[in-house]
Amino acid sequence: MALPPLLTKVVDWLRAGYPEGVPEHDYMPLFALLGKHLTDDEVKLVADELTLSSDPVSADVIRKAITSVTSHAPVYESDIDRVGSRLAAGGWPLATLPRD
């Protein structure tokens, strides 16, 4: 199933911000950051798309991070800011995400 245009843009921005892939320690703040702009279902769709190109161990870590974030486990703002800065360098429009 193809992603909606907004989520396709999100995945493209993630790949631009993390061309070598998202390091494991960035998954929690990344998905917390996404959760500020997207619904839980949209965050899960993005995670599913990322797991398609990941090895099985990384895919499992992504799923666990999503479960933690959607259950509202605490994530440090400093980590969210760090990940946001990395994505901003890749062209991520942090302030506004257009809803197509």
PDB file of N, CA and C in Angstrom:
ATOM      1  N   MET A   1       0.841  -1.177   0.000  1.00  0.00           N
ATOM      2  CA  MET A   1       0.000   0.000   0.000  1.00  0.00           C
ATOM      3  C   MET A   1       0.887   1.240   0.000  1.00  0.00           C
ATOM      4  N   ALA A   2       0.593   2.172  -0.871  1.00  0.00           N
ATOM      5  CA  ALA A   2       1.367   3.402  -0.963  1.00  0.00           C
ATOM      6  C   ALA A   2       1.018   4.329   0.205  1.00  0.00           C
ATOM      7  N   LEU A   3       2.032   5.031   0.673  1.00  0.00           N
ATOM      8  CA  LEU A   3       1.809   5.997   1.752  1.00  0.00           C
ATOM      9  C   LEU A   3       1.125   7.240   1.206  1.00  0.00           C
ATOM     10  N   PRO A   4       0.332   7.925   2.047  1.00  0.00           N
ATOM     11  CA  PRO A   4      -0.214   9.218   1.636  1.00  0.00           C
ATOM     12  C   PRO A   4       0.934  10.192   1.363  1.00  0.00           C
ATOM     13  N   PRO A   5       0.697  11.219   0.550  1.00  0.00           N
ATOM     14  CA  PRO A   5       1.768  12.157   0.186  1.00  0.00           C
ATOM     15  C   PRO A   5       2.513  12.751   1.390  1.00  0.00           C
ATOM     16  N   LEU A   6       1.802  13.134   2.434  1.00  0.00           N
ATOM     17  CA  LEU A   6       2.460  13.711   3.608  1.00  0.00           C
ATOM     18  C   LEU A   6       3.453  12.734   4.217  1.00  0.00           C
ATOM     19  N   LEU A   7       3.042  11.482   4.371  1.00  0.00           N
ATOM     20  CA  LEU A   7       3.911  10.493   4.998  1.00  0.00           C
ATOM     21  C   LEU A   7       5.074  10.114   4.088  1.00  0.00           C
ATOM     22  N   THR A   8       4.860  10.149   2.789  1.00  0.00           N
ATOM     23  CA  THR A   8       5.959   9.938   1.853  1.00  0.00           C
ATOM     24  C   THR A   8       7.000  11.030   2.034  1.00  0.00           C
ATOM     25  N   LYS A   9       6.548  12.280   2.193  1.00  0.00           N
ATOM     26  CA  LYS A   9       7.477  13.395   2.432  1.00  0.00           C
ATOM     27  C   LYS A   9       8.237  13.192   3.737  1.00  0.00           C
ATOM     28  N   VAL A  10       7.558  12.729   4.760  1.00  0.00           N
ATOM     29  CA  VAL A  10       8.196  12.496   6.050  1.00  0.00           C
ATOM     30  C   VAL A  10       9.303  11.459   5.902  1.00  0.00           C
ATOM     31  N   VAL A  11       9.006  10.351   5.246  1.00  0.00           N
ATOM     32  CA  VAL A  11      10.005   9.301   5.058  1.00  0.00           C
ATOM     33  C   VAL A  11      11.179   9.835   4.230  1.00  0.00           C
ATOM     34  N   ASP A  12      10.898  10.598   3.187  1.00  0.00           N
ATOM     35  CA  ASP A  12      11.970  11.187   2.377  1.00  0.00           C
ATOM     36  C   ASP A  12      12.851  12.109   3.215  1.00  0.00           C
ATOM     37  N   TRP A  13      12.230  12.933   4.071  1.00  0.00           N
ATOM     38  CA  TRP A  13      13.007  13.824   4.938  1.00  0.00           C
ATOM     39  C   TRP A  13      13.852  13.036   5.928  1.00  0.00           C
ATOM     40  N   LEU A  14      13.294  11.943   6.451  1.00  0.00           N
ATOM     41  CA  LEU A  14      14.053  11.109   7.380  1.00  0.00           C
ATOM     42  C   LEU A  14      15.272  10.514   6.688  1.00  0.00           C
ATOM     43  N   ARG A  15      15.079  10.068   5.487  1.00  0.00           N
ATOM     44  CA  ARG A  15      16.203   9.485   4.747  1.00  0.00           C
ATOM     45  C   ARG A  15      17.238  10.548   4.388  1.00  0.00           C
ATOM     46  N   ALA A  16      16.804  11.791   4.140  1.00  0.00           N
ATOM     47  CA  ALA A  16      17.755  12.876   3.876  1.00  0.00           C
ATOM     48  C   ALA A  16      18.508  13.252   5.150  1.00  0.00           C
ATOM     49  N   GLY A  17      17.807  13.260   6.278  1.00  0.00           N
ATOM     50  CA  GLY A  17      18.438  13.626   7.548  1.00  0.00           C
ATOM     51  C   GLY A  17      19.328  12.539   8.103  1.00  0.00           C
ATOM     52  N   TYR A  18      19.061  11.304   7.729  1.00  0.00           N
ATOM     53  CA  TYR A  18      19.824  10.144   8.189  1.00  0.00           C
ATOM     54  C   TYR A  18      20.187   9.266   6.989  1.00  0.00           C
ATOM     55  N   PRO A  19      21.078   9.734   6.123  1.00  0.00           N
ATOM     56  CA  PRO A  19      21.375   8.966   4.909  1.00  0.00           C
ATOM     57  C   PRO A  19      21.963   7.577   5.176  1.00  0.00           C
ATOM     58  N   GLU A  20      22.607   7.378   6.322  1.00  0.00           N
ATOM     59  CA  GLU A  20      23.140   6.054   6.655  1.00  0.00           C
ATOM     60  C   GLU A  20      22.165   5.245   7.500  1.00  0.00           C
ATOM     61  N   GLY A  21      20.960   5.760   7.695  1.00  0.00           N
ATOM     62  CA  GLY A  21      19.976   5.100   8.542  1.00  0.00           C
ATOM     63  C   GLY A  21      19.939   5.728   9.927  1.00  0.00           C
ATOM     64  N   VAL A  22      18.829   5.587  10.592  1.00  0.00           N
ATOM     65  CA  VAL A  22      18.637   6.166  11.920  1.00  0.00           C
ATOM     66  C   VAL A  22      19.354   5.288  12.945  1.00  0.00           C
ATOM     67  N   PRO A  23      20.262   5.889  13.756  1.00  0.00           N
ATOM     68  CA  PRO A  23      20.889   5.088  14.799  1.00  0.00           C
ATOM     69  C   PRO A  23      19.873   4.695  15.868  1.00  0.00           C
ATOM     70  N   GLU A  24      20.082   3.551  16.467  1.00  0.00           N
ATOM     71  CA  GLU A  24      19.127   3.014  17.438  1.00  0.00           C
ATOM     72  C   GLU A  24      18.782   4.019  18.540  1.00  0.00           C
ATOM     73  N   HIS A  25      19.765   4.763  19.035  1.00  0.00           N
ATOM     74  CA  HIS A  25      19.502   5.689  20.143  1.00  0.00           C
ATOM     75  C   HIS A  25      18.658   6.897  19.723  1.00  0.00           C
ATOM     76  N   ASP A  26      18.435   7.073  18.425  1.00  0.00           N
ATOM     77  CA  ASP A  26      17.610   8.190  17.947  1.00  0.00           C
ATOM     78  C   ASP A  26      16.160   7.804  17.674  1.00  0.00           C
ATOM     79  N   TYR A  27      15.832   6.521  17.728  1.00  0.00           N
ATOM     80  CA  TYR A  27      14.455   6.122  17.417  1.00  0.00           C
ATOM     81  C   TYR A  27      13.434   6.735  18.371  1.00  0.00           C
ATOM     82  N   MET A  28      13.677   6.632  19.665  1.00  0.00           N
ATOM     83  CA  MET A  28      12.701   7.161  20.634  1.00  0.00           C
ATOM     84  C   MET A  28      12.466   8.655  20.430  1.00  0.00           C
ATOM     85  N   PRO A  29      13.528   9.505  20.414  1.00  0.00           N
ATOM     86  CA  PRO A  29      13.262  10.928  20.203  1.00  0.00           C
ATOM     87  C   PRO A  29      12.690  11.230  18.823  1.00  0.00           C
ATOM     88  N   LEU A  30      13.090  10.453  17.822  1.00  0.00           N
ATOM     89  CA  LEU A  30      12.553  10.664  16.477  1.00  0.00           C
ATOM     90  C   LEU A  30      11.045  10.455  16.458  1.00  0.00           C
ATOM     91  N   PHE A  31      10.595   9.346  17.016  1.00  0.00           N
ATOM     92  CA  PHE A  31       9.166   9.071  16.992  1.00  0.00           C
ATOM     93  C   PHE A  31       8.395   9.984  17.940  1.00  0.00           C
ATOM     94  N   ALA A  32       9.041  10.447  19.008  1.00  0.00           N
ATOM     95  CA  ALA A  32       8.406  11.452  19.865  1.00  0.00           C
ATOM     96  C   ALA A  32       8.236  12.758  19.094  1.00  0.00           C
ATOM     97  N   LEU A  33       9.247  13.133  18.321  1.00  0.00           N
ATOM     98  CA  LEU A  33       9.165  14.329  17.488  1.00  0.00           C
ATOM     99  C   LEU A  33       8.060  14.192  16.446  1.00  0.00           C
ATOM    100  N   LEU A  34       8.012  13.056  15.795  1.00  0.00           N
ATOM    101  CA  LEU A  34       6.950  12.822  14.814  1.00  0.00           C
ATOM    102  C   LEU A  34       5.578  12.883  15.466  1.00  0.00           C
ATOM    103  N   GLY A  35       5.490  12.378  16.702  1.00  0.00           N
ATOM    104  CA  GLY A  35       4.220  12.378  17.415  1.00  0.00           C
ATOM    105  C   GLY A  35       3.689  13.763  17.725  1.00  0.00           C
ATOM    106  N   LYS A  36       4.561  14.762  17.653  1.00  0.00           N
ATOM    107  CA  LYS A  36       4.114  16.147  17.848  1.00  0.00           C
ATOM    108  C   LYS A  36       3.425  16.693  16.607  1.00  0.00           C
ATOM    109  N   HIS A  37       3.655  16.052  15.454  1.00  0.00           N
ATOM    110  CA  HIS A  37       3.122  16.544  14.184  1.00  0.00           C
ATOM    111  C   HIS A  37       2.139  15.597  13.521  1.00  0.00           C
ATOM    112  N   LEU A  38       2.202  14.310  13.895  1.00  0.00           N
ATOM    113  CA  LEU A  38       1.386  13.297  13.234  1.00  0.00           C
ATOM    114  C   LEU A  38       0.534  12.553  14.249  1.00  0.00           C
ATOM    115  N   THR A  39      -0.498  11.895  13.767  1.00  0.00           N
ATOM    116  CA  THR A  39      -1.306  11.040  14.638  1.00  0.00           C
ATOM    117  C   THR A  39      -0.517   9.773  14.957  1.00  0.00           C
ATOM    118  N   ASP A  40      -0.945   9.038  15.976  1.00  0.00           N
ATOM    119  CA  ASP A  40      -0.292   7.771  16.304  1.00  0.00           C
ATOM    120  C   ASP A  40      -0.327   6.813  15.116  1.00  0.00           C
ATOM    121  N   ASP A  41      -1.440   6.768  14.407  1.00  0.00           N
ATOM    122  CA  ASP A  41      -1.541   5.881  13.241  1.00  0.00           C
ATOM    123  C   ASP A  41      -0.561   6.292  12.146  1.00  0.00           C
ATOM    124  N   GLU A  42      -0.398   7.599  11.930  1.00  0.00           N
ATOM    125  CA  GLU A  42       0.549   8.066  10.917  1.00  0.00           C
ATOM    126  C   GLU A  42       1.983   7.732  11.322  1.00  0.00           C
ATOM    127  N   VAL A  43       2.302   7.887  12.612  1.00  0.00           N
ATOM    128  CA  VAL A  43       3.640   7.540  13.096  1.00  0.00           C
ATOM    129  C   VAL A  43       3.899   6.053  12.853  1.00  0.00           C
ATOM    130  N   LYS A  44       2.915   5.220  13.101  1.00  0.00           N
ATOM    131  CA  LYS A  44       3.075   3.779  12.881  1.00  0.00           C
ATOM    132  C   LYS A  44       3.290   3.464  11.404  1.00  0.00           C
ATOM    133  N   LEU A  45       2.607   4.181  10.509  1.00  0.00           N
ATOM    134  CA  LEU A  45       2.810   3.972   9.071  1.00  0.00           C
ATOM    135  C   LEU A  45       4.236   4.340   8.659  1.00  0.00           C
ATOM    136  N   VAL A  46       4.749   5.455   9.198  1.00  0.00           N
ATOM    137  CA  VAL A  46       6.127   5.850   8.906  1.00  0.00           C
ATOM    138  C   VAL A  46       7.084   4.780   9.419  1.00  0.00           C
ATOM    139  N   ALA A  47       6.858   4.308  10.629  1.00  0.00           N
ATOM    140  CA  ALA A  47       7.712   3.265  11.197  1.00  0.00           C
ATOM    141  C   ALA A  47       7.667   2.000  10.349  1.00  0.00           C
ATOM    142  N   ASP A  48       6.484   1.621   9.903  1.00  0.00           N
ATOM    143  CA  ASP A  48       6.356   0.437   9.047  1.00  0.00           C
ATOM    144  C   ASP A  48       7.178   0.602   7.774  1.00  0.00           C
ATOM    145  N   GLU A  49       7.137   1.799   7.196  1.00  0.00           N
ATOM    146  CA  GLU A  49       7.909   2.064   5.981  1.00  0.00           C
ATOM    147  C   GLU A  49       9.404   1.964   6.263  1.00  0.00           C
ATOM    148  N   LEU A  50       9.846   2.480   7.393  1.00  0.00           N
ATOM    149  CA  LEU A  50      11.266   2.401   7.750  1.00  0.00           C
ATOM    150  C   LEU A  50      11.704   0.963   8.008  1.00  0.00           C
ATOM    151  N   THR A  51      10.814   0.144   8.559  1.00  0.00           N
ATOM    152  CA  THR A  51      11.192  -1.240   8.843  1.00  0.00           C
ATOM    153  C   THR A  51      11.357  -2.053   7.568  1.00  0.00           C
ATOM    154  N   LEU A  52      10.714  -1.638   6.487  1.00  0.00           N
ATOM    155  CA  LEU A  52      10.835  -2.384   5.221  1.00  0.00           C
ATOM    156  C   LEU A  52      12.267  -2.407   4.713  1.00  0.00           C
ATOM    157  N   SER A  53      13.018  -1.335   4.964  1.00  0.00           N
ATOM    158  CA  SER A  53      14.389  -1.257   4.465  1.00  0.00           C
ATOM    159  C   SER A  53      15.411  -1.530   5.562  1.00  0.00           C
ATOM    160  N   SER A  54      14.967  -2.054   6.698  1.00  0.00           N
ATOM    161  CA  SER A  54      15.858  -2.304   7.825  1.00  0.00           C
ATOM    162  C   SER A  54      16.097  -3.792   7.992  1.00  0.00           C
ATOM    163  N   ASP A  55      17.220  -4.101   8.642  1.00  0.00           N
ATOM    164  CA  ASP A  55      17.460  -5.494   8.992  1.00  0.00           C
ATOM    165  C   ASP A  55      16.482  -5.878  10.103  1.00  0.00           C
ATOM    166  N   PRO A  56      16.266  -7.160  10.336  1.00  0.00           N
ATOM    167  CA  PRO A  56      15.256  -7.585  11.326  1.00  0.00           C
ATOM    168  C   PRO A  56      15.483  -7.036  12.732  1.00  0.00           C
ATOM    169  N   VAL A  57      16.747  -6.918  13.152  1.00  0.00           N
ATOM    170  CA  VAL A  57      17.030  -6.387  14.492  1.00  0.00           C
ATOM    171  C   VAL A  57      16.607  -4.929  14.573  1.00  0.00           C
ATOM    172  N   SER A  58      16.946  -4.129  13.563  1.00  0.00           N
ATOM    173  CA  SER A  58      16.550  -2.717  13.555  1.00  0.00           C
ATOM    174  C   SER A  58      15.034  -2.583  13.491  1.00  0.00           C
ATOM    175  N   ALA A  59      14.392  -3.420  12.708  1.00  0.00           N
ATOM    176  CA  ALA A  59      12.929  -3.376  12.602  1.00  0.00           C
ATOM    177  C   ALA A  59      12.291  -3.624  13.958  1.00  0.00           C
ATOM    178  N   ASP A  60      12.841  -4.569  14.719  1.00  0.00           N
ATOM    179  CA  ASP A  60      12.316  -4.857  16.054  1.00  0.00           C
ATOM    180  C   ASP A  60      12.521  -3.667  16.983  1.00  0.00           C
ATOM    181  N   VAL A  61      13.672  -3.009  16.902  1.00  0.00           N
ATOM    182  CA  VAL A  61      13.946  -1.829  17.728  1.00  0.00           C
ATOM    183  C   VAL A  61      12.977  -0.707  17.365  1.00  0.00           C
ATOM    184  N   ILE A  62      12.697  -0.532  16.076  1.00  0.00           N
ATOM    185  CA  ILE A  62      11.744   0.495  15.639  1.00  0.00           C
ATOM    186  C   ILE A  62      10.367   0.205  16.236  1.00  0.00           C
ATOM    187  N   ARG A  63       9.924  -1.038  16.156  1.00  0.00           N
ATOM    188  CA  ARG A  63       8.605  -1.382  16.697  1.00  0.00           C
ATOM    189  C   ARG A  63       8.532  -1.120  18.203  1.00  0.00           C
ATOM    190  N   LYS A  64       9.599  -1.459  18.931  1.00  0.00           N
ATOM    191  CA  LYS A  64       9.628  -1.218  20.377  1.00  0.00           C
ATOM    192  C   LYS A  64       9.614   0.276  20.684  1.00  0.00           C
ATOM    193  N   ALA A  65      10.334   1.064  19.892  1.00  0.00           N
ATOM    194  CA  ALA A  65      10.348   2.511  20.100  1.00  0.00           C
ATOM    195  C   ALA A  65       8.962   3.098  19.883  1.00  0.00           C
ATOM    196  N   ILE A  66       8.278   2.636  18.843  1.00  0.00           N
ATOM    197  CA  ILE A  66       6.921   3.115  18.569  1.00  0.00           C
ATOM    198  C   ILE A  66       5.997   2.770  19.733  1.00  0.00           C
ATOM    199  N   THR A  67       6.095   1.557  20.238  1.00  0.00           N
ATOM    200  CA  THR A  67       5.253   1.156  21.364  1.00  0.00           C
ATOM    201  C   THR A  67       5.519   2.038  22.570  1.00  0.00           C
ATOM    202  N   SER A  68       6.777   2.331  22.837  1.00  0.00           N
ATOM    203  CA  SER A  68       7.124   3.186  23.975  1.00  0.00           C
ATOM    204  C   SER A  68       6.574   4.593  23.805  1.00  0.00           C
ATOM    205  N   VAL A  69       6.756   5.155  22.626  1.00  0.00           N
ATOM    206  CA  VAL A  69       6.323   6.538  22.397  1.00  0.00           C
ATOM    207  C   VAL A  69       4.804   6.638  22.407  1.00  0.00           C
ATOM    208  N   THR A  70       4.133   5.702  21.766  1.00  0.00           N
ATOM    209  CA  THR A  70       2.673   5.794  21.721  1.00  0.00           C
ATOM    210  C   THR A  70       2.040   5.462  23.066  1.00  0.00           C
ATOM    211  N   SER A  71       2.803   4.834  23.949  1.00  0.00           N
ATOM    212  CA  SER A  71       2.295   4.624  25.317  1.00  0.00           C
ATOM    213  C   SER A  71       2.736   5.762  26.226  1.00  0.00           C
ATOM    214  N   HIS A  72       3.332   6.794  25.604  1.00  0.00           N
ATOM    215  CA  HIS A  72       3.714   8.034  26.273  1.00  0.00           C
ATOM    216  C   HIS A  72       4.826   7.848  27.305  1.00  0.00           C
ATOM    217  N   ALA A  73       5.800   6.993  26.966  1.00  0.00           N
ATOM    218  CA  ALA A  73       6.993   6.875  27.795  1.00  0.00           C
ATOM    219  C   ALA A  73       7.772   8.195  27.694  1.00  0.00           C
ATOM    220  N   PRO A  74       8.422   8.615  28.791  1.00  0.00           N
ATOM    221  CA  PRO A  74       9.126   9.899  28.752  1.00  0.00           C
ATOM    222  C   PRO A  74      10.328   9.863  27.802  1.00  0.00           C
ATOM    223  N   VAL A  75      10.486  10.937  27.058  1.00  0.00           N
ATOM    224  CA  VAL A  75      11.623  11.120  26.171  1.00  0.00           C
ATOM    225  C   VAL A  75      12.189  12.501  26.494  1.00  0.00           C
ATOM    226  N   TYR A  76      13.507  12.605  26.624  1.00  0.00           N
ATOM    227  CA  TYR A  76      14.132  13.880  26.964  1.00  0.00           C
ATOM    228  C   TYR A  76      13.996  14.887  25.836  1.00  0.00           C
ATOM    229  N   GLU A  77      13.609  16.114  26.192  1.00  0.00           N
ATOM    230  CA  GLU A  77      13.502  17.189  25.202  1.00  0.00           C
ATOM    231  C   GLU A  77      14.840  17.432  24.519  1.00  0.00           C
ATOM    232  N   SER A  78      15.936  17.282  25.256  1.00  0.00           N
ATOM    233  CA  SER A  78      17.257  17.504  24.662  1.00  0.00           C
ATOM    234  C   SER A  78      17.514  16.497  23.532  1.00  0.00           C
ATOM    235  N   ASP A  79      17.028  15.268  23.699  1.00  0.00           N
ATOM    236  CA  ASP A  79      17.175  14.271  22.633  1.00  0.00           C
ATOM    237  C   ASP A  79      16.289  14.616  21.442  1.00  0.00           C
ATOM    238  N   ILE A  80      15.074  15.080  21.724  1.00  0.00           N
ATOM    239  CA  ILE A  80      14.174  15.488  20.648  1.00  0.00           C
ATOM    240  C   ILE A  80      14.777  16.666  19.888  1.00  0.00           C
ATOM    241  N   ASP A  81      15.348  17.628  20.616  1.00  0.00           N
ATOM    242  CA  ASP A  81      15.994  18.781  19.974  1.00  0.00           C
ATOM    243  C   ASP A  81      17.171  18.345  19.107  1.00  0.00           C
ATOM    244  N   ARG A  82      17.973  17.389  19.604  1.00  0.00           N
ATOM    245  CA  ARG A  82      19.132  16.891  18.853  1.00  0.00           C
ATOM    246  C   ARG A  82      18.689  16.245  17.543  1.00  0.00           C
ATOM    247  N   VAL A  83      17.663  15.407  17.623  1.00  0.00           N
ATOM    248  CA  VAL A  83      17.156  14.745  16.424  1.00  0.00           C
ATOM    249  C   VAL A  83      16.525  15.775  15.488  1.00  0.00           C
ATOM    250  N   GLY A  84      15.792  16.728  16.047  1.00  0.00           N
ATOM    251  CA  GLY A  84      15.189  17.773  15.226  1.00  0.00           C
ATOM    252  C   GLY A  84      16.231  18.577  14.476  1.00  0.00           C
ATOM    253  N   SER A  85      17.349  18.873  15.127  1.00  0.00           N
ATOM    254  CA  SER A  85      18.430  19.610  14.467  1.00  0.00           C
ATOM    255  C   SER A  85      19.018  18.803  13.318  1.00  0.00           C
ATOM    256  N   ARG A  86      19.176  17.526  13.535  1.00  0.00           N
ATOM    257  CA  ARG A  86      19.710  16.649  12.481  1.00  0.00           C
ATOM    258  C   ARG A  86      18.766  16.635  11.276  1.00  0.00           C
ATOM    259  N   LEU A  87      17.472  16.533  11.542  1.00  0.00           N
ATOM    260  CA  LEU A  87      16.497  16.512  10.450  1.00  0.00           C
ATOM    261  C   LEU A  87      16.401  17.868   9.756  1.00  0.00           C
ATOM    262  N   ALA A  88      16.525  18.936  10.531  1.00  0.00           N
ATOM    263  CA  ALA A  88      16.497  20.277   9.932  1.00  0.00           C
ATOM    264  C   ALA A  88      17.634  20.428   8.929  1.00  0.00           C
ATOM    265  N   ALA A  89      18.795  19.856   9.240  1.00  0.00           N
ATOM    266  CA  ALA A  89      19.928  19.911   8.322  1.00  0.00           C
ATOM    267  C   ALA A  89      19.625  19.146   7.030  1.00  0.00           C
ATOM    268  N   GLY A  90      18.713  18.185   7.091  1.00  0.00           N
ATOM    269  CA  GLY A  90      18.307  17.428   5.907  1.00  0.00           C
ATOM    270  C   GLY A  90      17.102  18.022   5.201  1.00  0.00           C
ATOM    271  N   GLY A  91      16.662  19.214   5.647  1.00  0.00           N
ATOM    272  CA  GLY A  91      15.540  19.889   4.992  1.00  0.00           C
ATOM    273  C   GLY A  91      14.202  19.696   5.655  1.00  0.00           C
ATOM    274  N   TRP A  92      14.163  19.153   6.869  1.00  0.00           N
ATOM    275  CA  TRP A  92      12.918  18.903   7.589  1.00  0.00           C
ATOM    276  C   TRP A  92      12.264  20.214   8.003  1.00  0.00           C
ATOM    277  N   PRO A  93      11.043  20.454   7.613  1.00  0.00           N
ATOM    278  CA  PRO A  93      10.352  21.697   8.010  1.00  0.00           C
ATOM    279  C   PRO A  93       9.721  21.521   9.388  1.00  0.00           C
ATOM    280  N   LEU A  94      10.508  21.681  10.425  1.00  0.00           N
ATOM    281  CA  LEU A  94      10.041  21.407  11.782  1.00  0.00           C
ATOM    282  C   LEU A  94       8.814  22.217  12.183  1.00  0.00           C
ATOM    283  N   ALA A  95       8.774  23.457  11.803  1.00  0.00           N
ATOM    284  CA  ALA A  95       7.687  24.319  12.267  1.00  0.00           C
ATOM    285  C   ALA A  95       6.364  23.988  11.583  1.00  0.00           C
ATOM    286  N   THR A  96       6.424  23.613  10.330  1.00  0.00           N
ATOM    287  CA  THR A  96       5.176  23.359   9.614  1.00  0.00           C
ATOM    288  C   THR A  96       5.297  22.111   8.773  1.00  0.00           C
ATOM    289  N   LEU A  97       4.388  21.218   8.972  1.00  0.00           N
ATOM    290  CA  LEU A  97       4.264  20.041   8.124  1.00  0.00           C
ATOM    291  C   LEU A  97       2.980  20.198   7.322  1.00  0.00           C
ATOM    292  N   PRO A  98       3.092  20.341   6.006  1.00  0.00           N
ATOM    293  CA  PRO A  98       1.868  20.510   5.217  1.00  0.00           C
ATOM    294  C   PRO A  98       1.020  19.251   5.249  1.00  0.00           C
ATOM    295  N   ARG A  99      -0.263  19.387   5.438  1.00  0.00           N
ATOM    296  CA  ARG A  99      -1.198  18.249   5.436  1.00  0.00           C
ATOM    297  C   ARG A  99      -1.845  18.192   4.069  1.00  0.00           C
ATOM    298  N   ASP A 100      -1.428  17.204   3.265  1.00  0.00           N
ATOM    299  CA  ASP A 100      -1.997  17.045   1.906  1.00  0.00           C
ATOM    300  C   ASP A 100      -3.306  16.328   1.947  1.00  0.00           C
TER     301      ASP A 100
END
